[in-house]
Amino acid sequence: MVSFDTIRATGDVEVDVGIRIYALAARLFPICRSITGDGVRETLQVLGQHIDLTQYEIPTGTQVLDWTVPQEWNIRDAYIKAPSGRKVLDFADNNLHVLGYSAAVRRTMPLSELKTHIHTLPEQPDLIPYRTSYYSEQWGVCMAHNELLQLEEGEYEVLIDSEKRDGHLTYGEYVHKGQSDRDVLLSAHICHPSLANDNCSGLALLACLAKALRTRKTRYNYRFLFAPGTIGALTWLAGNEDKISRIDHGLIVSCVGDGGGPNYKRSRRGNTLIDQAMQYVLNADGRQGKISDFSPYGYDERQYCSPGFNLPVGLFQRSAFGTFPEYHTSADNLDFISPEHLGSSYRMIMDAIDILEMNWTPINLFPKGEPQLGRRGLYSALGGDKSAGETAMGYLWVLNLADGNHTLLDIAQKSNMSFRDIARAAQLLLANGLLAEAPEQDQAGEASSSGQA
């Protein structure tokens, strides 16, 4: 059990950490990322300036479960020139302009042919969509629908200077060592180009979180994974099956910089400690977060929660993917995220980590009646002290529910008291010989009680 002293003070300045996360997200934003290539490596290099990342390179053609690592894709330039010679699309202006994994093209063609390769959003006519073609051979560009409508008839010069070749899939990993051999997995997808919320925000937040944990003594190992969506998670799983059984808790982090939500999607099991902890955190302090059951559609939680692994991994977001109009468009820019919301998201994840670290199952060593707290110095000598009364209530709740069937989180939920106050009360009772710690019955992340199935 880790000492309560490792829990951070509530007074941590969210704004300061939010500013740091935003600054890192802003550095990552211009980089053109995909599921492979130099953009991923450049992103990992930037993250590596904050944490000691280990970079892994998996060769093209490597079999990873039912998938195969694809060829590496890189792009140097792209543009479209109108008959007048004016550039009507320029990759240098926005890297969303090119279909991800687009084949190379250098041709002149009529507008009628060009239009068959242009992707737009007629319902959002001023925005550029984000589109990809990872596993099919085609070329394409993306632009605002209103700009498409302004194109004149004639011959257009089209250049997409891209290349697919045998290379590598790249991902980064950082492990903060704890006191046990049990792991917490924290994962963010690194494959999206200039989309600030999805997922520069998640990459930057986890990097800052990892940096903060370096100075903290923890019970768990914390494994931070920065990998391309789907194929990256599958590659990590295929190469680390010997580590899977050590993962007690996990969280996918994406879209954490906007003002929506917060939202949490439960693990496939639905009753794990990370599910309990995130539900508690998202509804603490009047947040009124939305909790949804697992579904096999979303981000990499669907890989970690596939039936062959069935890991206790949930998904944390502010606005849920696909529900906000900026999603996968050029409106998901640095104006859409803010230090305030990034700092708040950081605090919620840190609060959940506090619960993972501090949660344990107490047993009352004096269960017949209430033990005399006053002679042990656990009651304030001054009557009428409100804070002393709250502390006393923490003692009473812990002692009453310390029957070996309730964790501290269970007690916090049943008492409507903060986990922080319950954890502090339990530590003081333990130090005064009134409690013992029940043996850990389950290392797989299952909730211990609360009447959950």
Protein backbone atom coordinates (compact mmCIF):
# COMPACT_ATOMS: atom_id res chain seq x y z
CA MET A 1 0.00 0.00 0.00
CA VAL A 2 1.39 3.40 -1.00
CA SER A 3 1.41 6.16 1.62
CA PHE A 4 -1.36 8.72 1.52
CA ASP A 5 1.34 11.39 1.33
CA THR A 6 1.81 10.55 -2.34
CA ILE A 7 -1.65 11.93 -3.14
CA ARG A 8 -1.28 15.43 -4.54
CA ALA A 9 -2.86 18.37 -2.79
CA THR A 10 -6.16 19.52 -4.26
CA GLY A 11 -4.53 22.89 -4.71
CA ASP A 12 -2.44 21.71 -7.67
CA VAL A 13 -2.71 24.49 -10.24
CA GLU A 14 -4.68 23.05 -13.15
CA VAL A 15 -4.12 26.16 -15.24
CA ASP A 16 -0.33 25.81 -15.08
CA VAL A 17 -0.32 22.19 -16.16
CA GLY A 18 -2.95 22.98 -18.78
CA ILE A 19 -0.69 25.64 -20.26
CA ARG A 20 2.19 23.16 -20.44
CA ILE A 21 0.01 20.52 -22.12
CA TYR A 22 -1.34 23.09 -24.60
CA ALA A 23 2.18 24.27 -25.49
CA LEU A 24 3.24 20.70 -26.24
CA ALA A 25 0.08 20.05 -28.27
CA ALA A 26 0.84 23.20 -30.28
CA ARG A 27 4.31 21.84 -31.10
CA LEU A 28 2.82 18.56 -32.29
CA PHE A 29 -0.03 20.10 -34.27
CA PRO A 30 1.80 21.01 -37.54
CA ILE A 31 3.40 17.57 -37.98
CA CYS A 32 1.91 15.38 -40.70
CA ARG A 33 1.38 12.01 -39.05
CA SER A 34 -0.02 8.77 -40.40
CA ILE A 35 0.11 5.15 -39.27
CA THR A 36 3.76 4.97 -40.37
CA GLY A 37 6.46 7.31 -41.56
CA ASP A 38 8.67 10.23 -40.69
CA GLY A 39 5.82 12.22 -39.11
CA VAL A 40 5.41 9.57 -36.42
CA ARG A 41 9.15 9.59 -35.75
CA GLU A 42 9.25 13.37 -35.55
CA THR A 43 6.34 13.33 -33.10
CA LEU A 44 8.07 10.75 -30.91
CA GLN A 45 11.25 12.85 -31.02
CA VAL A 46 9.33 15.84 -29.65
CA LEU A 47 7.68 13.73 -26.94
CA GLY A 48 11.08 12.26 -26.13
CA GLN A 49 12.29 15.69 -25.10
CA HIS A 50 9.89 15.43 -22.15
CA ILE A 51 10.10 11.75 -21.19
CA ASP A 52 12.59 8.96 -21.77
CA LEU A 53 10.78 7.24 -24.63
CA THR A 54 11.92 3.96 -26.10
CA GLN A 55 11.23 3.86 -29.83
CA TYR A 56 10.38 0.59 -31.56
CA GLU A 57 10.58 -0.06 -35.32
CA ILE A 58 8.62 -3.03 -36.69
CA PRO A 59 9.49 -3.97 -40.29
CA THR A 60 7.00 -3.90 -43.14
CA GLY A 61 5.47 -7.32 -43.68
CA THR A 62 5.64 -8.41 -40.04
CA GLN A 63 2.64 -10.54 -39.12
CA VAL A 64 0.83 -9.06 -36.10
CA LEU A 65 -2.09 -11.29 -35.12
CA ASP A 66 -4.43 -11.30 -38.16
CA TRP A 67 -2.83 -8.17 -39.66
CA THR A 68 0.37 -7.35 -41.49
CA VAL A 69 2.49 -4.25 -40.95
CA PRO A 70 1.92 -2.16 -44.10
CA GLN A 71 4.42 -0.32 -46.21
CA GLU A 72 5.70 2.95 -44.84
CA TRP A 73 4.15 6.13 -46.28
CA ASN A 74 5.80 9.54 -46.52
CA ILE A 75 4.82 12.71 -48.34
CA ARG A 76 6.95 15.64 -49.40
CA ASP A 77 4.59 17.98 -51.24
CA ALA A 78 1.18 18.28 -52.86
CA TYR A 79 -0.73 20.93 -54.74
CA ILE A 80 -3.34 21.57 -57.41
CA LYS A 81 -2.92 24.39 -59.92
CA ALA A 82 -5.85 25.90 -61.78
CA PRO A 83 -5.69 26.63 -65.54
CA SER A 84 -4.51 30.14 -64.60
CA GLY A 85 -1.53 28.69 -62.74
CA ARG A 86 -2.90 29.70 -59.33
CA LYS A 87 -2.63 27.10 -56.57
CA VAL A 88 -6.15 26.21 -55.44
CA LEU A 89 -4.89 23.59 -52.97
CA ASP A 90 -1.54 23.46 -51.18
CA PHE A 91 -0.36 20.77 -48.77
CA ALA A 92 1.91 23.37 -47.18
CA ASP A 93 -1.17 25.27 -45.98
CA ASN A 94 -2.85 22.31 -44.27
CA ASN A 95 -1.75 18.68 -44.23
CA LEU A 96 -5.39 17.55 -44.16
CA HIS A 97 -5.49 18.51 -47.85
CA VAL A 98 -4.08 15.11 -48.86
CA LEU A 99 -5.81 11.77 -48.41
CA GLY A 100 -3.80 9.85 -45.83
CA TYR A 101 -1.72 7.16 -47.58
CA SER A 102 -2.57 8.64 -50.98
CA ALA A 103 -0.75 7.17 -53.94
CA ALA A 104 1.56 9.51 -55.82
CA VAL A 105 0.27 11.41 -58.83
CA ARG A 106 1.76 13.96 -61.24
CA ARG A 107 -0.68 14.70 -64.03
CA THR A 108 -2.73 17.27 -65.84
CA MET A 109 -6.45 16.46 -66.01
CA PRO A 110 -9.82 18.08 -66.67
CA LEU A 111 -11.93 19.31 -63.78
CA SER A 112 -14.47 16.54 -64.34
CA GLU A 113 -11.83 13.87 -63.62
CA LEU A 114 -10.27 15.82 -60.78
CA LYS A 115 -13.61 16.06 -58.98
CA THR A 116 -13.78 12.28 -58.65
CA HIS A 117 -10.72 12.45 -56.40
CA ILE A 118 -11.78 15.41 -54.25
CA HIS A 119 -13.35 14.82 -50.80
CA THR A 120 -15.46 17.58 -49.25
CA LEU A 121 -18.12 18.11 -46.58
CA PRO A 122 -21.16 19.65 -48.28
CA GLU A 123 -22.90 19.92 -44.90
CA GLN A 124 -19.89 21.83 -43.51
CA PRO A 125 -18.87 23.69 -46.65
CA ASP A 126 -16.07 25.81 -45.15
CA LEU A 127 -14.16 22.93 -43.55
CA ILE A 128 -11.56 20.50 -44.86
CA PRO A 129 -12.34 16.86 -44.03
CA TYR A 130 -9.81 14.33 -42.72
CA ARG A 131 -9.83 11.20 -44.86
CA THR A 132 -7.52 8.20 -45.19
CA SER A 133 -6.92 5.24 -47.48
CA TYR A 134 -4.55 3.05 -45.48
CA TYR A 135 -5.26 -0.32 -47.03
CA SER A 136 -6.42 0.46 -50.58
CA GLU A 137 -4.47 1.91 -53.49
CA GLN A 138 -5.96 5.26 -54.53
CA TRP A 139 -5.11 8.91 -54.64
CA GLY A 140 -7.13 11.84 -53.42
CA VAL A 141 -7.26 15.30 -51.92
CA CYS A 142 -9.54 17.07 -49.45
CA MET A 143 -10.80 20.65 -49.57
CA ALA A 144 -13.60 22.91 -48.42
CA HIS A 145 -16.78 22.35 -50.42
CA ASN A 146 -17.19 26.07 -51.09
CA GLU A 147 -13.73 26.12 -52.67
CA LEU A 148 -14.67 23.17 -54.87
CA LEU A 149 -17.73 25.07 -56.12
CA GLN A 150 -15.49 27.95 -57.23
CA LEU A 151 -13.28 25.81 -59.47
CA GLU A 152 -13.56 26.76 -63.15
CA GLU A 153 -13.59 24.38 -66.07
CA GLY A 154 -10.27 23.57 -67.64
CA GLU A 155 -7.10 21.56 -67.19
CA TYR A 156 -5.59 21.24 -63.70
CA GLU A 157 -2.04 20.35 -62.75
CA VAL A 158 -2.08 17.83 -59.89
CA LEU A 159 0.94 16.83 -57.81
CA ILE A 160 1.05 14.46 -54.87
CA ASP A 161 4.70 13.76 -54.13
CA SER A 162 4.25 10.76 -51.84
CA GLU A 163 5.93 7.40 -51.54
CA LYS A 164 5.06 3.96 -50.25
CA ARG A 165 7.99 1.66 -49.64
CA ASP A 166 9.11 -1.12 -47.36
CA GLY A 167 10.10 0.43 -44.06
CA HIS A 168 8.78 0.29 -40.53
CA LEU A 169 5.84 0.92 -38.24
CA THR A 170 7.07 3.04 -35.34
CA TYR A 171 5.73 3.41 -31.82
CA GLY A 172 7.04 4.79 -28.54
CA GLU A 173 6.81 3.50 -25.00
CA TYR A 174 7.75 4.86 -21.59
CA VAL A 175 7.53 2.83 -18.37
CA HIS A 176 7.47 4.40 -14.92
CA LYS A 177 8.61 1.73 -12.48
CA GLY A 178 6.55 1.14 -9.36
CA GLN A 179 6.98 -1.04 -6.30
CA SER A 180 5.06 -4.06 -7.63
CA ASP A 181 5.09 -6.12 -10.81
CA ARG A 182 1.57 -4.97 -11.78
CA ASP A 183 0.93 -2.53 -14.64
CA VAL A 184 -1.37 0.33 -15.59
CA LEU A 185 -1.56 0.90 -19.36
CA LEU A 186 -2.11 4.45 -20.63
CA SER A 187 -2.37 4.70 -24.41
CA ALA A 188 -2.89 7.44 -27.01
CA HIS A 189 -3.03 7.10 -30.80
CA ILE A 190 -0.31 8.94 -32.69
CA CYS A 191 -1.52 8.51 -36.28
CA HIS A 192 -3.67 11.59 -36.89
CA PRO A 193 -2.18 14.66 -38.62
CA SER A 194 -3.10 18.24 -37.69
CA LEU A 195 -6.08 17.52 -35.44
CA ALA A 196 -5.66 19.27 -32.10
CA ASN A 197 -8.27 17.48 -30.00
CA ASP A 198 -7.98 14.15 -31.80
CA ASN A 199 -5.28 13.54 -30.79
CA CYS A 200 -2.54 16.11 -30.12
CA SER A 201 -4.36 16.70 -26.84
CA GLY A 202 -4.07 13.06 -25.75
CA LEU A 203 -0.41 12.75 -26.75
CA ALA A 204 0.56 15.93 -24.94
CA LEU A 205 -1.47 15.15 -21.82
CA LEU A 206 0.01 11.67 -21.41
CA ALA A 207 3.55 12.98 -21.94
CA CYS A 208 3.03 15.59 -19.20
CA LEU A 209 1.41 12.98 -16.97
CA ALA A 210 4.35 10.63 -17.44
CA LYS A 211 6.77 13.43 -16.64
CA ALA A 212 4.88 14.20 -13.42
CA LEU A 213 4.88 10.56 -12.31
CA ARG A 214 8.68 10.38 -12.55
CA THR A 215 8.92 12.14 -9.17
CA ARG A 216 6.26 10.01 -7.52
CA LYS A 217 6.67 6.71 -5.70
CA THR A 218 3.91 4.42 -6.94
CA ARG A 219 2.63 0.93 -6.29
CA TYR A 220 2.01 0.19 -9.97
CA ASN A 221 4.22 0.37 -13.02
CA TYR A 222 2.76 2.89 -15.48
CA ARG A 223 3.21 1.91 -19.12
CA PHE A 224 2.68 4.83 -21.54
CA LEU A 225 2.12 3.79 -25.15
CA PHE A 226 2.15 6.19 -28.11
CA ALA A 227 1.22 4.09 -31.14
CA PRO A 228 -0.73 4.35 -34.42
CA GLY A 229 -4.40 3.53 -34.06
CA THR A 230 -5.48 -0.09 -34.60
CA ILE A 231 -2.35 -1.44 -36.33
CA GLY A 232 -0.10 0.05 -33.62
CA ALA A 233 -2.12 -1.41 -30.76
CA LEU A 234 -2.27 -4.79 -32.52
CA THR A 235 1.49 -4.67 -33.09
CA TRP A 236 2.12 -3.92 -29.41
CA LEU A 237 -0.23 -6.70 -28.30
CA ALA A 238 1.35 -9.21 -30.65
CA GLY A 239 4.83 -8.39 -29.39
CA ASN A 240 3.99 -8.20 -25.69
CA GLU A 241 1.72 -11.15 -24.98
CA ASP A 242 4.04 -12.12 -22.13
CA LYS A 243 3.23 -8.81 -20.40
CA ILE A 244 -0.55 -8.86 -20.89
CA SER A 245 -1.32 -10.74 -17.67
CA ARG A 246 0.39 -7.99 -15.64
CA ILE A 247 -2.04 -5.26 -16.76
CA ASP A 248 -4.51 -4.60 -13.94
CA HIS A 249 -5.94 -1.31 -15.26
CA GLY A 250 -5.85 0.65 -18.50
CA LEU A 251 -7.09 3.84 -20.10
CA ILE A 252 -7.23 5.09 -23.68
CA VAL A 253 -6.93 8.89 -23.80
CA SER A 254 -8.20 10.98 -26.72
CA CYS A 255 -10.12 14.20 -27.39
CA VAL A 256 -9.31 15.65 -23.96
CA GLY A 257 -8.83 19.32 -24.83
CA ASP A 258 -12.33 20.63 -25.56
CA GLY A 259 -15.05 21.71 -23.14
CA GLY A 260 -17.49 18.86 -23.65
CA GLY A 261 -18.36 15.90 -21.48
CA PRO A 262 -16.52 14.41 -19.75
CA ASN A 263 -17.21 10.95 -21.17
CA TYR A 264 -16.03 7.51 -20.17
CA LYS A 265 -16.65 4.21 -21.95
CA ARG A 266 -16.37 1.18 -19.69
CA SER A 267 -14.11 -1.76 -20.38
CA ARG A 268 -15.64 -4.85 -21.96
CA ARG A 269 -15.87 -6.41 -18.49
CA GLY A 270 -17.78 -3.37 -17.24
CA ASN A 271 -17.04 -3.98 -13.55
CA THR A 272 -13.32 -3.32 -13.18
CA LEU A 273 -11.67 -0.95 -10.74
CA ILE A 274 -10.77 1.48 -13.53
CA ASP A 275 -14.47 1.54 -14.48
CA GLN A 276 -15.44 2.29 -10.87
CA ALA A 277 -12.70 4.87 -10.43
CA MET A 278 -13.51 6.77 -13.62
CA GLN A 279 -17.23 6.77 -12.85
CA TYR A 280 -16.48 8.18 -9.41
CA VAL A 281 -14.07 10.83 -10.76
CA LEU A 282 -16.34 11.92 -13.62
CA ASN A 283 -19.19 12.53 -11.21
CA ALA A 284 -17.18 14.15 -8.41
CA ASP A 285 -17.25 17.90 -7.83
CA GLY A 286 -20.53 18.22 -9.74
CA ARG A 287 -19.02 17.22 -13.08
CA GLN A 288 -22.00 15.05 -14.14
CA GLY A 289 -19.94 12.98 -16.54
CA LYS A 290 -21.52 10.54 -18.95
CA ILE A 291 -20.72 6.85 -18.49
CA SER A 292 -21.44 4.45 -21.35
CA ASP A 293 -21.12 0.70 -21.71
CA PHE A 294 -18.48 -0.89 -23.88
CA SER A 295 -19.05 -1.19 -27.61
CA PRO A 296 -16.66 -2.70 -30.18
CA TYR A 297 -16.44 0.59 -32.11
CA GLY A 298 -14.12 3.42 -31.18
CA TYR A 299 -10.42 3.66 -30.49
CA ASP A 300 -7.87 1.10 -29.36
CA GLU A 301 -9.92 -0.03 -26.36
CA ARG A 302 -11.60 -2.38 -28.83
CA GLN A 303 -8.23 -4.10 -29.44
CA TYR A 304 -7.28 -4.37 -25.77
CA CYS A 305 -10.81 -5.51 -24.92
CA SER A 306 -11.07 -8.07 -27.73
CA PRO A 307 -12.18 -11.44 -26.33
CA GLY A 308 -8.74 -13.03 -26.63
CA PHE A 309 -7.24 -10.34 -24.33
CA ASN A 310 -10.27 -8.88 -22.50
CA LEU A 311 -8.12 -6.38 -20.64
CA PRO A 312 -9.56 -3.91 -18.08
CA VAL A 313 -9.16 -0.90 -20.41
CA GLY A 314 -11.64 1.97 -20.77
CA LEU A 315 -11.80 5.11 -22.92
CA PHE A 316 -11.66 8.65 -21.49
CA GLN A 317 -12.66 11.69 -23.57
CA ARG A 318 -14.21 15.11 -23.13
CA SER A 319 -16.54 15.20 -26.13
CA ALA A 320 -17.02 11.65 -27.40
CA PHE A 321 -15.57 10.90 -30.83
CA GLY A 322 -17.91 11.58 -33.74
CA THR A 323 -20.29 13.71 -31.66
CA PHE A 324 -18.80 17.18 -32.10
CA PRO A 325 -18.95 19.06 -35.41
CA GLU A 326 -15.21 19.75 -35.42
CA TYR A 327 -14.40 16.02 -35.36
CA HIS A 328 -12.14 14.94 -38.25
CA THR A 329 -12.23 18.37 -39.86
CA SER A 330 -9.95 21.38 -40.11
CA ALA A 331 -12.01 22.99 -37.33
CA ASP A 332 -10.28 20.65 -34.89
CA ASN A 333 -7.48 23.17 -34.58
CA LEU A 334 -5.62 24.84 -31.73
CA ASP A 335 -8.52 27.26 -31.17
CA PHE A 336 -10.79 24.32 -30.36
CA ILE A 337 -8.75 23.17 -27.35
CA SER A 338 -7.79 25.20 -24.30
CA PRO A 339 -5.37 25.03 -21.35
CA GLU A 340 -8.34 25.14 -18.98
CA HIS A 341 -9.93 21.96 -20.35
CA LEU A 342 -6.59 20.19 -20.78
CA GLY A 343 -5.76 20.95 -17.15
CA SER A 344 -9.14 19.68 -16.00
CA SER A 345 -8.71 16.45 -18.00
CA TYR A 346 -5.25 16.00 -16.49
CA ARG A 347 -6.66 16.36 -12.99
CA MET A 348 -9.39 13.79 -13.65
CA ILE A 349 -6.89 11.19 -14.81
CA MET A 350 -4.58 11.98 -11.89
CA ASP A 351 -7.54 11.62 -9.51
CA ALA A 352 -8.23 8.19 -10.98
CA ILE A 353 -4.56 7.26 -10.56
CA ASP A 354 -4.79 8.34 -6.91
CA ILE A 355 -7.68 5.89 -6.48
CA LEU A 356 -5.78 3.06 -8.16
CA GLU A 357 -2.80 3.73 -5.94
CA MET A 358 -4.63 4.25 -2.65
CA ASN A 359 -7.57 1.88 -2.89
CA TRP A 360 -7.46 -1.10 -0.52
CA THR A 361 -9.84 -3.24 1.51
CA PRO A 362 -9.78 -2.55 5.27
CA ILE A 363 -10.76 -4.92 8.07
CA ASN A 364 -11.94 -3.51 11.40
CA LEU A 365 -9.90 -5.06 14.22
CA PHE A 366 -12.45 -3.87 16.83
CA PRO A 367 -15.75 -4.66 15.08
CA LYS A 368 -17.92 -5.00 18.19
CA GLY A 369 -19.17 -1.49 18.81
CA GLU A 370 -17.17 1.62 18.07
CA PRO A 371 -13.59 1.68 19.35
CA GLN A 372 -12.73 4.63 21.60
CA LEU A 373 -11.16 7.13 19.24
CA GLY A 374 -10.63 9.90 21.74
CA ARG A 375 -8.01 8.12 23.80
CA ARG A 376 -6.10 7.43 20.59
CA GLY A 377 -6.05 11.13 19.74
CA LEU A 378 -8.33 10.69 16.73
CA TYR A 379 -11.06 13.05 17.93
CA SER A 380 -10.53 16.78 18.21
CA ALA A 381 -10.53 18.06 21.77
CA LEU A 382 -12.54 21.09 20.65
CA GLY A 383 -16.27 20.68 20.06
CA GLY A 384 -18.03 22.44 17.20
CA ASP A 385 -15.11 22.20 14.78
CA LYS A 386 -16.75 21.48 11.41
CA SER A 387 -13.62 19.98 9.83
CA ALA A 388 -13.12 17.78 12.88
CA GLY A 389 -16.70 16.59 12.49
CA GLU A 390 -16.09 15.63 8.87
CA THR A 391 -12.92 13.79 9.85
CA ALA A 392 -14.84 11.93 12.55
CA MET A 393 -17.48 10.90 10.01
CA GLY A 394 -14.70 9.49 7.85
CA TYR A 395 -13.52 7.37 10.78
CA LEU A 396 -17.03 6.12 11.47
CA TRP A 397 -17.80 5.21 7.86
CA VAL A 398 -14.51 3.37 7.42
CA LEU A 399 -14.87 1.46 10.69
CA ASN A 400 -18.45 0.49 9.95
CA LEU A 401 -17.79 -0.76 6.42
CA ALA A 402 -14.36 -2.27 7.11
CA ASP A 403 -15.73 -5.81 7.01
CA GLY A 404 -13.39 -7.13 4.32
CA ASN A 405 -16.04 -6.68 1.63
CA HIS A 406 -15.67 -2.97 0.89
CA THR A 407 -12.75 -1.09 -0.63
CA LEU A 408 -12.04 2.52 0.23
CA LEU A 409 -13.64 3.52 -3.05
CA ASP A 410 -16.77 1.57 -2.10
CA ILE A 411 -16.84 3.41 1.22
CA ALA A 412 -16.40 6.81 -0.44
CA GLN A 413 -19.31 6.07 -2.77
CA LYS A 414 -21.62 4.80 -0.02
CA SER A 415 -20.79 7.67 2.35
CA ASN A 416 -20.93 10.43 -0.29
CA MET A 417 -17.60 11.59 1.08
CA SER A 418 -14.52 12.33 -1.01
CA PHE A 419 -12.12 9.49 -1.66
CA ARG A 420 -9.36 11.74 -0.36
CA ASP A 421 -11.07 12.11 3.05
CA ILE A 422 -11.85 8.40 3.29
CA ALA A 423 -8.28 7.45 2.35
CA ARG A 424 -6.86 9.82 4.96
CA ALA A 425 -9.21 8.50 7.66
CA ALA A 426 -8.30 4.91 6.80
CA GLN A 427 -4.58 5.61 6.95
CA LEU A 428 -4.91 7.18 10.40
CA LEU A 429 -7.00 4.28 11.65
CA LEU A 430 -4.44 1.85 10.25
CA ALA A 431 -1.58 3.73 11.90
CA ASN A 432 -3.40 3.53 15.24
CA GLY A 433 -3.89 -0.22 15.08
CA LEU A 434 -7.64 -0.16 14.43
CA LEU A 435 -7.54 -1.57 10.90
CA ALA A 436 -5.76 -4.29 8.97
CA GLU A 437 -5.45 -4.59 5.22
CA ALA A 438 -7.31 -7.52 3.68
CA PRO A 439 -5.27 -9.70 1.31
CA GLU A 440 -5.63 -8.73 -2.32
CA GLN A 441 -8.05 -11.26 -3.79
CA ASP A 442 -7.95 -10.25 -7.42
CA GLN A 443 -5.12 -8.83 -9.49
CA ALA A 444 -7.20 -8.71 -12.67
CA GLY A 445 -8.89 -5.41 -11.95
CA GLU A 446 -12.29 -6.72 -10.91
CA ALA A 447 -14.33 -4.56 -8.56
CA SER A 448 -14.31 -6.16 -5.12
CA SER A 449 -17.83 -5.35 -4.01
CA SER A 450 -20.47 -2.65 -4.39
CA GLY A 451 -22.92 -5.37 -5.33
CA GLN A 452 -21.66 -5.35 -8.91
CA ALA A 453 -21.85 -8.48 -11.01
